[in-house]
All heavy atoms as atom14 arrays in JSON, in Angstrom:
{
  "sequence": "IQQGDEMYRTQGGNNNAYAQDNEITWLDWEDGDGSIVNLVAALNTFRK",
  "atom14_mask": [
    [1, 1, 1, 1, 1, 1, 1, 1, 0, 0, 0, 0, 0, 0],
    [1, 1, 1, 1, 1, 1, 1, 1, 1, 0, 0, 0, 0, 0],
    [1, 1, 1, 1, 1, 1, 1, 1, 1, 0, 0, 0, 0, 0],
    [1, 1, 1, 1, 0, 0, 0, 0, 0, 0, 0, 0, 0, 0],
    [1, 1, 1, 1, 1, 1, 1, 1, 0, 0, 0, 0, 0, 0],
    [1, 1, 1, 1, 1, 1, 1, 1, 1, 0, 0, 0, 0, 0],
    [1, 1, 1, 1, 1, 1, 1, 1, 0, 0, 0, 0, 0, 0],
    [1, 1, 1, 1, 1, 1, 1, 1, 1, 1, 1, 1, 0, 0],
    [1, 1, 1, 1, 1, 1, 1, 1, 1, 1, 1, 0, 0, 0],
    [1, 1, 1, 1, 1, 1, 1, 0, 0, 0, 0, 0, 0, 0],
    [1, 1, 1, 1, 1, 1, 1, 1, 1, 0, 0, 0, 0, 0],
    [1, 1, 1, 1, 0, 0, 0, 0, 0, 0, 0, 0, 0, 0],
    [1, 1, 1, 1, 0, 0, 0, 0, 0, 0, 0, 0, 0, 0],
    [1, 1, 1, 1, 1, 1, 1, 1, 0, 0, 0, 0, 0, 0],
    [1, 1, 1, 1, 1, 1, 1, 1, 0, 0, 0, 0, 0, 0],
    [1, 1, 1, 1, 1, 1, 1, 1, 0, 0, 0, 0, 0, 0],
    [1, 1, 1, 1, 1, 0, 0, 0, 0, 0, 0, 0, 0, 0],
    [1, 1, 1, 1, 1, 1, 1, 1, 1, 1, 1, 1, 0, 0],
    [1, 1, 1, 1, 1, 0, 0, 0, 0, 0, 0, 0, 0, 0],
    [1, 1, 1, 1, 1, 1, 1, 1, 1, 0, 0, 0, 0, 0],
    [1, 1, 1, 1, 1, 1, 1, 1, 0, 0, 0, 0, 0, 0],
    [1, 1, 1, 1, 1, 1, 1, 1, 0, 0, 0, 0, 0, 0],
    [1, 1, 1, 1, 1, 1, 1, 1, 1, 0, 0, 0, 0, 0],
    [1, 1, 1, 1, 1, 1, 1, 1, 0, 0, 0, 0, 0, 0],
    [1, 1, 1, 1, 1, 1, 1, 0, 0, 0, 0, 0, 0, 0],
    [1, 1, 1, 1, 1, 1, 1, 1, 1, 1, 1, 1, 1, 1],
    [1, 1, 1, 1, 1, 1, 1, 1, 0, 0, 0, 0, 0, 0],
    [1, 1, 1, 1, 1, 1, 1, 1, 0, 0, 0, 0, 0, 0],
    [1, 1, 1, 1, 1, 1, 1, 1, 1, 1, 1, 1, 1, 1],
    [1, 1, 1, 1, 1, 1, 1, 1, 1, 0, 0, 0, 0, 0],
    [1, 1, 1, 1, 1, 1, 1, 1, 0, 0, 0, 0, 0, 0],
    [1, 1, 1, 1, 0, 0, 0, 0, 0, 0, 0, 0, 0, 0],
    [1, 1, 1, 1, 1, 1, 1, 1, 0, 0, 0, 0, 0, 0],
    [1, 1, 1, 1, 0, 0, 0, 0, 0, 0, 0, 0, 0, 0],
    [1, 1, 1, 1, 1, 1, 0, 0, 0, 0, 0, 0, 0, 0],
    [1, 1, 1, 1, 1, 1, 1, 1, 0, 0, 0, 0, 0, 0],
    [1, 1, 1, 1, 1, 1, 1, 0, 0, 0, 0, 0, 0, 0],
    [1, 1, 1, 1, 1, 1, 1, 1, 0, 0, 0, 0, 0, 0],
    [1, 1, 1, 1, 1, 1, 1, 1, 0, 0, 0, 0, 0, 0],
    [1, 1, 1, 1, 1, 1, 1, 0, 0, 0, 0, 0, 0, 0],
    [1, 1, 1, 1, 1, 0, 0, 0, 0, 0, 0, 0, 0, 0],
    [1, 1, 1, 1, 1, 0, 0, 0, 0, 0, 0, 0, 0, 0],
    [1, 1, 1, 1, 1, 1, 1, 1, 0, 0, 0, 0, 0, 0],
    [1, 1, 1, 1, 1, 1, 1, 1, 0, 0, 0, 0, 0, 0],
    [1, 1, 1, 1, 1, 1, 1, 0, 0, 0, 0, 0, 0, 0],
    [1, 1, 1, 1, 1, 1, 1, 1, 1, 1, 1, 0, 0, 0],
    [1, 1, 1, 1, 1, 1, 1, 1, 1, 1, 1, 0, 0, 0],
    [1, 1, 1, 1, 1, 1, 1, 1, 1, 0, 0, 0, 0, 0]
  ],
  "atom14_positions": [
    [[-23.2, 4.03, 64.63], [-22.07, 4.57, 63.89], [-20.79, 3.96, 64.47], [-20.75, 3.57, 65.64], [-21.99, 6.12, 63.93], [-21.84, 6.63, 65.37], [-23.21, 6.72, 63.26], [-21.6, 8.13, 65.45], [0.0, 0.0, 0.0], [0.0, 0.0, 0.0], [0.0, 0.0, 0.0], [0.0, 0.0, 0.0], [0.0, 0.0, 0.0], [0.0, 0.0, 0.0]],
    [[-19.77, 3.85, 63.62], [-18.5, 3.34, 64.11], [-17.55, 4.5, 64.39], [-17.71, 5.6, 63.86], [-17.87, 2.37, 63.11], [-17.38, 3.02, 61.82], [-16.33, 2.2, 61.1], [-15.53, 1.51, 61.71], [-16.36, 2.26, 59.78], [0.0, 0.0, 0.0], [0.0, 0.0, 0.0], [0.0, 0.0, 0.0], [0.0, 0.0, 0.0], [0.0, 0.0, 0.0]],
    [[-16.55, 4.21, 65.22], [-15.65, 5.25, 65.68], [-15.05, 6.04, 64.52], [-14.61, 5.48, 63.52], [-14.52, 4.65, 66.51], [-13.57, 3.74, 65.74], [-12.43, 3.24, 66.62], [-12.6, 3.02, 67.81], [-11.26, 3.07, 66.04], [0.0, 0.0, 0.0], [0.0, 0.0, 0.0], [0.0, 0.0, 0.0], [0.0, 0.0, 0.0], [0.0, 0.0, 0.0]],
    [[-15.11, 7.34, 64.65], [-14.44, 8.21, 63.71], [-15.23, 8.57, 62.48], [-14.84, 9.51, 61.76], [0.0, 0.0, 0.0], [0.0, 0.0, 0.0], [0.0, 0.0, 0.0], [0.0, 0.0, 0.0], [0.0, 0.0, 0.0], [0.0, 0.0, 0.0], [0.0, 0.0, 0.0], [0.0, 0.0, 0.0], [0.0, 0.0, 0.0], [0.0, 0.0, 0.0]],
    [[-16.32, 7.85, 62.2], [-17.11, 8.24, 61.03], [-17.71, 9.63, 61.21], [-18.0, 10.32, 60.23], [-18.2, 7.21, 60.74], [-17.69, 6.04, 59.92], [-16.56, 6.13, 59.39], [-18.4, 5.03, 59.81], [0.0, 0.0, 0.0], [0.0, 0.0, 0.0], [0.0, 0.0, 0.0], [0.0, 0.0, 0.0], [0.0, 0.0, 0.0], [0.0, 0.0, 0.0]],
    [[-17.89, 10.04, 62.46], [-18.39, 11.4, 62.72], [-17.28, 12.43, 62.57], [-17.56, 13.63, 62.69], [-18.99, 11.47, 64.13], [-18.0, 11.6, 65.27], [-17.35, 10.29, 65.71], [-17.4, 9.31, 64.94], [-16.78, 10.24, 66.81], [0.0, 0.0, 0.0], [0.0, 0.0, 0.0], [0.0, 0.0, 0.0], [0.0, 0.0, 0.0], [0.0, 0.0, 0.0]],
    [[-16.04, 11.97, 62.3], [-14.91, 12.89, 62.17], [-14.25, 12.79, 60.8], [-13.18, 13.34, 60.6], [-13.88, 12.6, 63.27], [-14.39, 12.91, 64.65], [-13.36, 12.19, 65.96], [-11.75, 12.79, 65.49], [0.0, 0.0, 0.0], [0.0, 0.0, 0.0], [0.0, 0.0, 0.0], [0.0, 0.0, 0.0], [0.0, 0.0, 0.0], [0.0, 0.0, 0.0]],
    [[-14.87, 12.03, 59.88], [-14.34, 11.91, 58.52], [-13.03, 11.11, 58.52], [-12.04, 11.48, 57.9], [-14.14, 13.29, 57.89], [-14.05, 13.31, 56.38], [-15.04, 12.77, 55.59], [-12.95, 13.9, 55.74], [-14.95, 12.81, 54.2], [-12.84, 13.94, 54.36], [-13.86, 13.39, 53.59], [-13.76, 13.43, 52.21], [0.0, 0.0, 0.0], [0.0, 0.0, 0.0]],
    [[-13.04, 9.97, 59.21], [-11.85, 9.14, 59.35], [-11.62, 8.27, 58.12], [-12.57, 7.74, 57.54], [-11.99, 8.22, 60.58], [-10.84, 7.25, 60.79], [-11.04, 6.45, 62.06], [-12.0, 5.38, 61.93], [-11.67, 4.11, 61.71], [-10.4, 3.76, 61.61], [-12.61, 3.19, 61.62], [0.0, 0.0, 0.0], [0.0, 0.0, 0.0], [0.0, 0.0, 0.0]],
    [[-10.36, 8.1, 57.75], [-10.01, 7.22, 56.64], [-9.09, 6.09, 57.12], [-8.35, 6.25, 58.1], [-9.3, 7.98, 55.51], [-8.99, 7.06, 54.45], [-8.0, 8.62, 55.99], [0.0, 0.0, 0.0], [0.0, 0.0, 0.0], [0.0, 0.0, 0.0], [0.0, 0.0, 0.0], [0.0, 0.0, 0.0], [0.0, 0.0, 0.0], [0.0, 0.0, 0.0]],
    [[-9.17, 4.95, 56.45], [-8.21, 3.86, 56.62], [-7.45, 3.62, 55.32], [-6.92, 2.54, 55.1], [-8.91, 2.57, 57.06], [-9.44, 2.63, 58.47], [-10.09, 1.35, 58.98], [-10.34, 1.21, 60.16], [-10.37, 0.42, 58.08], [0.0, 0.0, 0.0], [0.0, 0.0, 0.0], [0.0, 0.0, 0.0], [0.0, 0.0, 0.0], [0.0, 0.0, 0.0]],
    [[-7.41, 4.64, 54.48], [-6.67, 4.52, 53.23], [-7.22, 3.47, 52.29], [-6.47, 2.89, 51.49], [0.0, 0.0, 0.0], [0.0, 0.0, 0.0], [0.0, 0.0, 0.0], [0.0, 0.0, 0.0], [0.0, 0.0, 0.0], [0.0, 0.0, 0.0], [0.0, 0.0, 0.0], [0.0, 0.0, 0.0], [0.0, 0.0, 0.0], [0.0, 0.0, 0.0]],
    [[-8.51, 3.21, 52.38], [-9.13, 2.22, 51.5], [-9.02, 0.79, 51.99], [-9.44, -0.13, 51.3], [0.0, 0.0, 0.0], [0.0, 0.0, 0.0], [0.0, 0.0, 0.0], [0.0, 0.0, 0.0], [0.0, 0.0, 0.0], [0.0, 0.0, 0.0], [0.0, 0.0, 0.0], [0.0, 0.0, 0.0], [0.0, 0.0, 0.0], [0.0, 0.0, 0.0]],
    [[-8.49, 0.59, 53.19], [-8.4, -0.76, 53.75], [-9.75, -1.12, 54.35], [-10.23, -0.46, 55.27], [-7.3, -0.81, 54.82], [-6.94, -2.23, 55.22], [-7.79, -3.11, 55.31], [-5.66, -2.46, 55.48], [0.0, 0.0, 0.0], [0.0, 0.0, 0.0], [0.0, 0.0, 0.0], [0.0, 0.0, 0.0], [0.0, 0.0, 0.0], [0.0, 0.0, 0.0]],
    [[-10.39, -2.16, 53.82], [-11.71, -2.54, 54.33], [-11.67, -3.79, 55.2], [-12.71, -4.4, 55.47], [-12.72, -2.7, 53.18], [-12.55, -4.0, 52.41], [-11.56, -4.72, 52.57], [-13.51, -4.31, 51.55], [0.0, 0.0, 0.0], [0.0, 0.0, 0.0], [0.0, 0.0, 0.0], [0.0, 0.0, 0.0], [0.0, 0.0, 0.0], [0.0, 0.0, 0.0]],
    [[-10.47, -4.15, 55.66], [-10.33, -5.32, 56.54], [-9.1, -5.11, 57.42], [-8.18, -5.93, 57.44], [-10.19, -6.6, 55.71], [-10.24, -7.85, 56.57], [-10.97, -7.91, 57.56], [-9.46, -8.85, 56.2], [0.0, 0.0, 0.0], [0.0, 0.0, 0.0], [0.0, 0.0, 0.0], [0.0, 0.0, 0.0], [0.0, 0.0, 0.0], [0.0, 0.0, 0.0]],
    [[-9.09, -4.03, 58.19], [-7.88, -3.6, 58.89], [-7.69, -4.3, 60.23], [-7.19, -3.71, 61.18], [-7.91, -2.08, 59.08], [0.0, 0.0, 0.0], [0.0, 0.0, 0.0], [0.0, 0.0, 0.0], [0.0, 0.0, 0.0], [0.0, 0.0, 0.0], [0.0, 0.0, 0.0], [0.0, 0.0, 0.0], [0.0, 0.0, 0.0], [0.0, 0.0, 0.0]],
    [[-8.03, -5.58, 60.28], [-7.97, -6.34, 61.54], [-6.55, -6.47, 62.07], [-6.35, -6.68, 63.27], [-8.57, -7.74, 61.34], [-7.68, -8.68, 60.54], [-6.91, -9.63, 61.2], [-7.6, -8.6, 59.16], [-6.07, -10.48, 60.49], [-6.78, -9.43, 58.45], [-6.02, -10.38, 59.1], [-5.18, -11.21, 58.4], [0.0, 0.0, 0.0], [0.0, 0.0, 0.0]],
    [[-5.56, -6.37, 61.19], [-4.17, -6.59, 61.6], [-3.37, -5.3, 61.65], [-2.15, -5.33, 61.66], [-3.51, -7.58, 60.64], [0.0, 0.0, 0.0], [0.0, 0.0, 0.0], [0.0, 0.0, 0.0], [0.0, 0.0, 0.0], [0.0, 0.0, 0.0], [0.0, 0.0, 0.0], [0.0, 0.0, 0.0], [0.0, 0.0, 0.0], [0.0, 0.0, 0.0]],
    [[-4.05, -4.17, 61.71], [-3.37, -2.88, 61.66], [-3.52, -2.14, 62.98], [-4.3, -1.22, 63.13], [-3.94, -2.05, 60.49], [-3.85, -2.72, 59.15], [-2.43, -3.0, 58.71], [-1.5, -2.28, 59.07], [-2.24, -4.06, 57.93], [0.0, 0.0, 0.0], [0.0, 0.0, 0.0], [0.0, 0.0, 0.0], [0.0, 0.0, 0.0], [0.0, 0.0, 0.0]],
    [[-2.72, -2.57, 63.96], [-2.71, -1.87, 65.25], [-1.71, -0.73, 65.13], [-0.64, -0.73, 65.74], [-2.33, -2.85, 66.36], [-2.49, -2.23, 67.75], [-3.08, -1.13, 67.84], [-2.0, -2.82, 68.72], [0.0, 0.0, 0.0], [0.0, 0.0, 0.0], [0.0, 0.0, 0.0], [0.0, 0.0, 0.0], [0.0, 0.0, 0.0], [0.0, 0.0, 0.0]],
    [[-2.08, 0.26, 64.33], [-1.18, 1.37, 64.0], [-2.02, 2.54, 63.5], [-3.25, 2.54, 63.68], [-0.15, 0.92, 62.94], [-0.83, 0.25, 61.73], [-1.85, 0.74, 61.24], [-0.29, -0.87, 61.27], [0.0, 0.0, 0.0], [0.0, 0.0, 0.0], [0.0, 0.0, 0.0], [0.0, 0.0, 0.0], [0.0, 0.0, 0.0], [0.0, 0.0, 0.0]],
    [[-1.39, 3.49, 62.85], [-2.11, 4.7, 62.44], [-3.24, 4.43, 61.45], [-4.1, 5.3, 61.24], [-1.13, 5.71, 61.82], [-0.21, 6.4, 62.84], [0.98, 5.55, 63.24], [1.1, 4.4, 62.74], [1.79, 6.01, 64.06], [0.0, 0.0, 0.0], [0.0, 0.0, 0.0], [0.0, 0.0, 0.0], [0.0, 0.0, 0.0], [0.0, 0.0, 0.0]],
    [[-3.26, 3.26, 60.83], [-4.37, 2.96, 59.92], [-5.69, 2.89, 60.68], [-6.72, 3.38, 60.2], [-4.1, 1.65, 59.15], [-2.94, 1.84, 58.17], [-5.35, 1.18, 58.4], [-2.53, 0.59, 57.42], [0.0, 0.0, 0.0], [0.0, 0.0, 0.0], [0.0, 0.0, 0.0], [0.0, 0.0, 0.0], [0.0, 0.0, 0.0], [0.0, 0.0, 0.0]],
    [[-5.66, 2.28, 61.88], [-6.9, 2.15, 62.66], [-6.96, 3.1, 63.85], [-8.02, 3.24, 64.46], [-7.06, 0.71, 63.19], [-5.91, 0.36, 63.98], [-7.2, -0.28, 62.05], [0.0, 0.0, 0.0], [0.0, 0.0, 0.0], [0.0, 0.0, 0.0], [0.0, 0.0, 0.0], [0.0, 0.0, 0.0], [0.0, 0.0, 0.0], [0.0, 0.0, 0.0]],
    [[-5.86, 3.75, 64.19], [-5.89, 4.69, 65.31], [-6.56, 5.99, 64.88], [-6.19, 6.61, 63.88], [-4.48, 4.99, 65.81], [-3.76, 3.8, 66.38], [-4.28, 2.57, 66.66], [-2.37, 3.74, 66.72], [-3.31, 1.74, 67.16], [-2.12, 2.44, 67.21], [-1.32, 4.66, 66.67], [-0.86, 2.04, 67.65], [-0.07, 4.27, 67.09], [0.16, 2.96, 67.59]],
    [[-7.53, 6.4, 65.63], [-8.31, 7.6, 65.3], [-7.43, 8.85, 65.42], [-6.79, 9.08, 66.45], [-9.49, 7.69, 66.25], [-10.61, 8.68, 65.94], [-11.09, 8.53, 64.53], [-11.75, 8.49, 66.93], [0.0, 0.0, 0.0], [0.0, 0.0, 0.0], [0.0, 0.0, 0.0], [0.0, 0.0, 0.0], [0.0, 0.0, 0.0], [0.0, 0.0, 0.0]],
    [[-7.4, 9.63, 64.35], [-6.61, 10.86, 64.3], [-7.47, 12.01, 64.8], [-8.21, 12.64, 64.04], [-6.11, 11.11, 62.88], [-5.19, 12.32, 62.8], [-5.04, 13.04, 63.81], [-4.62, 12.56, 61.71], [0.0, 0.0, 0.0], [0.0, 0.0, 0.0], [0.0, 0.0, 0.0], [0.0, 0.0, 0.0], [0.0, 0.0, 0.0], [0.0, 0.0, 0.0]],
    [[-7.38, 12.29, 66.1], [-8.22, 13.32, 66.71], [-7.84, 14.72, 66.25], [-8.7, 15.61, 66.21], [-8.12, 13.22, 68.23], [-8.79, 11.99, 68.76], [-8.24, 10.76, 68.92], [-10.15, 11.88, 69.16], [-9.17, 9.87, 69.4], [-10.36, 10.54, 69.56], [-11.22, 12.77, 69.23], [-11.59, 10.08, 70.03], [-12.44, 12.31, 69.69], [-12.63, 10.98, 70.08]],
    [[-6.59, 14.94, 65.93], [-6.14, 16.29, 65.56], [-6.65, 16.7, 64.18], [-6.79, 17.89, 63.9], [-4.61, 16.35, 65.59], [-4.0, 16.05, 66.96], [-4.27, 17.15, 67.98], [-4.81, 18.19, 67.59], [-3.95, 16.94, 69.17], [0.0, 0.0, 0.0], [0.0, 0.0, 0.0], [0.0, 0.0, 0.0], [0.0, 0.0, 0.0], [0.0, 0.0, 0.0]],
    [[-6.93, 15.72, 63.32], [-7.29, 16.03, 61.94], [-8.76, 15.77, 61.65], [-9.17, 15.7, 60.5], [-6.41, 15.21, 60.98], [-6.44, 15.76, 59.56], [-6.48, 16.99, 59.4], [-6.44, 14.94, 58.61], [0.0, 0.0, 0.0], [0.0, 0.0, 0.0], [0.0, 0.0, 0.0], [0.0, 0.0, 0.0], [0.0, 0.0, 0.0], [0.0, 0.0, 0.0]],
    [[-9.57, 15.58, 62.69], [-10.98, 15.3, 62.47], [-11.73, 16.52, 61.96], [-11.33, 17.67, 62.17], [0.0, 0.0, 0.0], [0.0, 0.0, 0.0], [0.0, 0.0, 0.0], [0.0, 0.0, 0.0], [0.0, 0.0, 0.0], [0.0, 0.0, 0.0], [0.0, 0.0, 0.0], [0.0, 0.0, 0.0], [0.0, 0.0, 0.0], [0.0, 0.0, 0.0]],
    [[-12.84, 16.27, 61.28], [-13.67, 17.34, 60.72], [-14.77, 17.67, 61.72], [-15.75, 16.94, 61.87], [-14.27, 16.89, 59.39], [-14.98, 18.02, 58.67], [-15.57, 18.89, 59.34], [-14.97, 18.02, 57.42], [0.0, 0.0, 0.0], [0.0, 0.0, 0.0], [0.0, 0.0, 0.0], [0.0, 0.0, 0.0], [0.0, 0.0, 0.0], [0.0, 0.0, 0.0]],
    [[-14.61, 18.78, 62.42], [-15.56, 19.17, 63.45], [-16.95, 19.45, 62.92], [-17.94, 19.3, 63.65], [0.0, 0.0, 0.0], [0.0, 0.0, 0.0], [0.0, 0.0, 0.0], [0.0, 0.0, 0.0], [0.0, 0.0, 0.0], [0.0, 0.0, 0.0], [0.0, 0.0, 0.0], [0.0, 0.0, 0.0], [0.0, 0.0, 0.0], [0.0, 0.0, 0.0]],
    [[-17.05, 19.86, 61.65], [-18.38, 20.17, 61.11], [-19.23, 18.92, 61.01], [-20.46, 18.97, 61.17], [-18.25, 20.84, 59.74], [-17.78, 19.94, 58.76], [0.0, 0.0, 0.0], [0.0, 0.0, 0.0], [0.0, 0.0, 0.0], [0.0, 0.0, 0.0], [0.0, 0.0, 0.0], [0.0, 0.0, 0.0], [0.0, 0.0, 0.0], [0.0, 0.0, 0.0]],
    [[-18.6, 17.77, 60.75], [-19.36, 16.52, 60.66], [-19.73, 16.03, 62.06], [-20.82, 15.49, 62.28], [-18.58, 15.47, 59.86], [-18.35, 15.99, 58.43], [-19.33, 14.14, 59.81], [-17.5, 15.08, 57.56], [0.0, 0.0, 0.0], [0.0, 0.0, 0.0], [0.0, 0.0, 0.0], [0.0, 0.0, 0.0], [0.0, 0.0, 0.0], [0.0, 0.0, 0.0]],
    [[-18.83, 16.24, 63.03], [-19.18, 15.96, 64.43], [-20.44, 16.74, 64.8], [-21.39, 16.2, 65.38], [-18.02, 16.33, 65.37], [-18.43, 16.14, 66.83], [-16.78, 15.5, 65.07], [0.0, 0.0, 0.0], [0.0, 0.0, 0.0], [0.0, 0.0, 0.0], [0.0, 0.0, 0.0], [0.0, 0.0, 0.0], [0.0, 0.0, 0.0], [0.0, 0.0, 0.0]],
    [[-20.46, 18.01, 64.45], [-21.62, 18.85, 64.77], [-22.88, 18.36, 64.06], [-23.98, 18.4, 64.63], [-21.34, 20.3, 64.38], [-20.27, 20.94, 65.24], [-20.0, 20.49, 66.34], [-19.64, 21.99, 64.73], [0.0, 0.0, 0.0], [0.0, 0.0, 0.0], [0.0, 0.0, 0.0], [0.0, 0.0, 0.0], [0.0, 0.0, 0.0], [0.0, 0.0, 0.0]],
    [[-22.72, 17.9, 62.82], [-23.88, 17.39, 62.09], [-24.46, 16.16, 62.78], [-25.69, 16.05, 62.95], [-23.49, 17.04, 60.65], [-24.61, 16.36, 59.84], [-25.76, 17.33, 59.58], [-24.07, 15.8, 58.53], [0.0, 0.0, 0.0], [0.0, 0.0, 0.0], [0.0, 0.0, 0.0], [0.0, 0.0, 0.0], [0.0, 0.0, 0.0], [0.0, 0.0, 0.0]],
    [[-23.6, 15.22, 63.19], [-24.1, 14.01, 63.85], [-24.84, 14.38, 65.13], [-25.93, 13.86, 65.41], [-22.93, 13.04, 64.14], [-23.38, 11.92, 65.07], [-22.38, 12.47, 62.84], [0.0, 0.0, 0.0], [0.0, 0.0, 0.0], [0.0, 0.0, 0.0], [0.0, 0.0, 0.0], [0.0, 0.0, 0.0], [0.0, 0.0, 0.0], [0.0, 0.0, 0.0]],
    [[-24.27, 15.28, 65.92], [-24.94, 15.7, 67.15], [-26.29, 16.35, 66.84], [-27.3, 16.07, 67.51], [-24.05, 16.67, 67.92], [0.0, 0.0, 0.0], [0.0, 0.0, 0.0], [0.0, 0.0, 0.0], [0.0, 0.0, 0.0], [0.0, 0.0, 0.0], [0.0, 0.0, 0.0], [0.0, 0.0, 0.0], [0.0, 0.0, 0.0], [0.0, 0.0, 0.0]],
    [[-26.33, 17.2, 65.8], [-27.58, 17.88, 65.44], [-28.62, 16.9, 64.92], [-29.81, 17.0, 65.24], [-27.29, 18.96, 64.41], [0.0, 0.0, 0.0], [0.0, 0.0, 0.0], [0.0, 0.0, 0.0], [0.0, 0.0, 0.0], [0.0, 0.0, 0.0], [0.0, 0.0, 0.0], [0.0, 0.0, 0.0], [0.0, 0.0, 0.0], [0.0, 0.0, 0.0]],
    [[-28.18, 15.93, 64.11], [-29.11, 14.92, 63.59], [-29.7, 14.1, 64.73], [-30.91, 13.81, 64.74], [-28.39, 14.01, 62.6], [-28.08, 14.59, 61.22], [-27.08, 13.7, 60.48], [-29.36, 14.75, 60.4], [0.0, 0.0, 0.0], [0.0, 0.0, 0.0], [0.0, 0.0, 0.0], [0.0, 0.0, 0.0], [0.0, 0.0, 0.0], [0.0, 0.0, 0.0]],
    [[-28.87, 13.73, 65.68], [-29.35, 12.93, 66.8], [-30.32, 13.73, 67.66], [-31.36, 13.21, 68.12], [-28.17, 12.43, 67.64], [-28.54, 11.27, 68.53], [-29.49, 10.54, 68.27], [-27.78, 11.08, 69.6], [0.0, 0.0, 0.0], [0.0, 0.0, 0.0], [0.0, 0.0, 0.0], [0.0, 0.0, 0.0], [0.0, 0.0, 0.0], [0.0, 0.0, 0.0]],
    [[-30.01, 14.99, 67.87], [-30.92, 15.86, 68.64], [-32.25, 16.0, 67.92], [-33.33, 15.91, 68.53], [-30.27, 17.24, 68.84], [-29.08, 17.09, 69.61], [-31.23, 18.18, 69.57], [0.0, 0.0, 0.0], [0.0, 0.0, 0.0], [0.0, 0.0, 0.0], [0.0, 0.0, 0.0], [0.0, 0.0, 0.0], [0.0, 0.0, 0.0], [0.0, 0.0, 0.0]],
    [[-32.2, 16.21, 66.6], [-33.43, 16.35, 65.81], [-34.25, 15.07, 65.89], [-35.48, 15.09, 66.07], [-33.07, 16.68, 64.36], [-34.26, 16.89, 63.47], [-34.83, 18.15, 63.35], [-34.82, 15.85, 62.76], [-35.93, 18.37, 62.54], [-35.93, 16.04, 61.94], [-36.49, 17.31, 61.83], [0.0, 0.0, 0.0], [0.0, 0.0, 0.0], [0.0, 0.0, 0.0]],
    [[-33.58, 13.94, 65.74], [-34.28, 12.65, 65.78], [-35.02, 12.46, 67.1], [-36.2, 12.08, 67.12], [-33.25, 11.53, 65.58], [-33.77, 10.11, 65.76], [-32.63, 9.1, 65.72], [-33.12, 7.76, 66.02], [-33.67, 6.95, 65.12], [-33.78, 7.34, 63.86], [-34.1, 5.76, 65.47], [0.0, 0.0, 0.0], [0.0, 0.0, 0.0], [0.0, 0.0, 0.0]],
    [[-34.34, 12.74, 68.2], [-34.96, 12.54, 69.52], [-36.09, 13.53, 69.76], [-37.05, 13.22, 70.5], [-33.89, 12.65, 70.61], [-32.92, 11.47, 70.62], [-31.99, 11.49, 71.82], [-30.94, 12.56, 71.72], [-29.94, 12.46, 72.83], [0.0, 0.0, 0.0], [0.0, 0.0, 0.0], [0.0, 0.0, 0.0], [0.0, 0.0, 0.0], [0.0, 0.0, 0.0]]
  ]
}
C-alpha cells in the first residue's frame, strides 16, 4: 500500500504529483479516516 491510502488520502485527482512538494502530496494526518486505518490493520491481522 502507498502512504495515506489507509487514511483515505486525496491528491485532488492529480495522478502524477512528482512536482508537488506541498499540500497535494503531504499527508493530512488531522483529516484521515480512522475507520479505514482500522480496516487495513484488521485485514492484515486476518491475513496473517
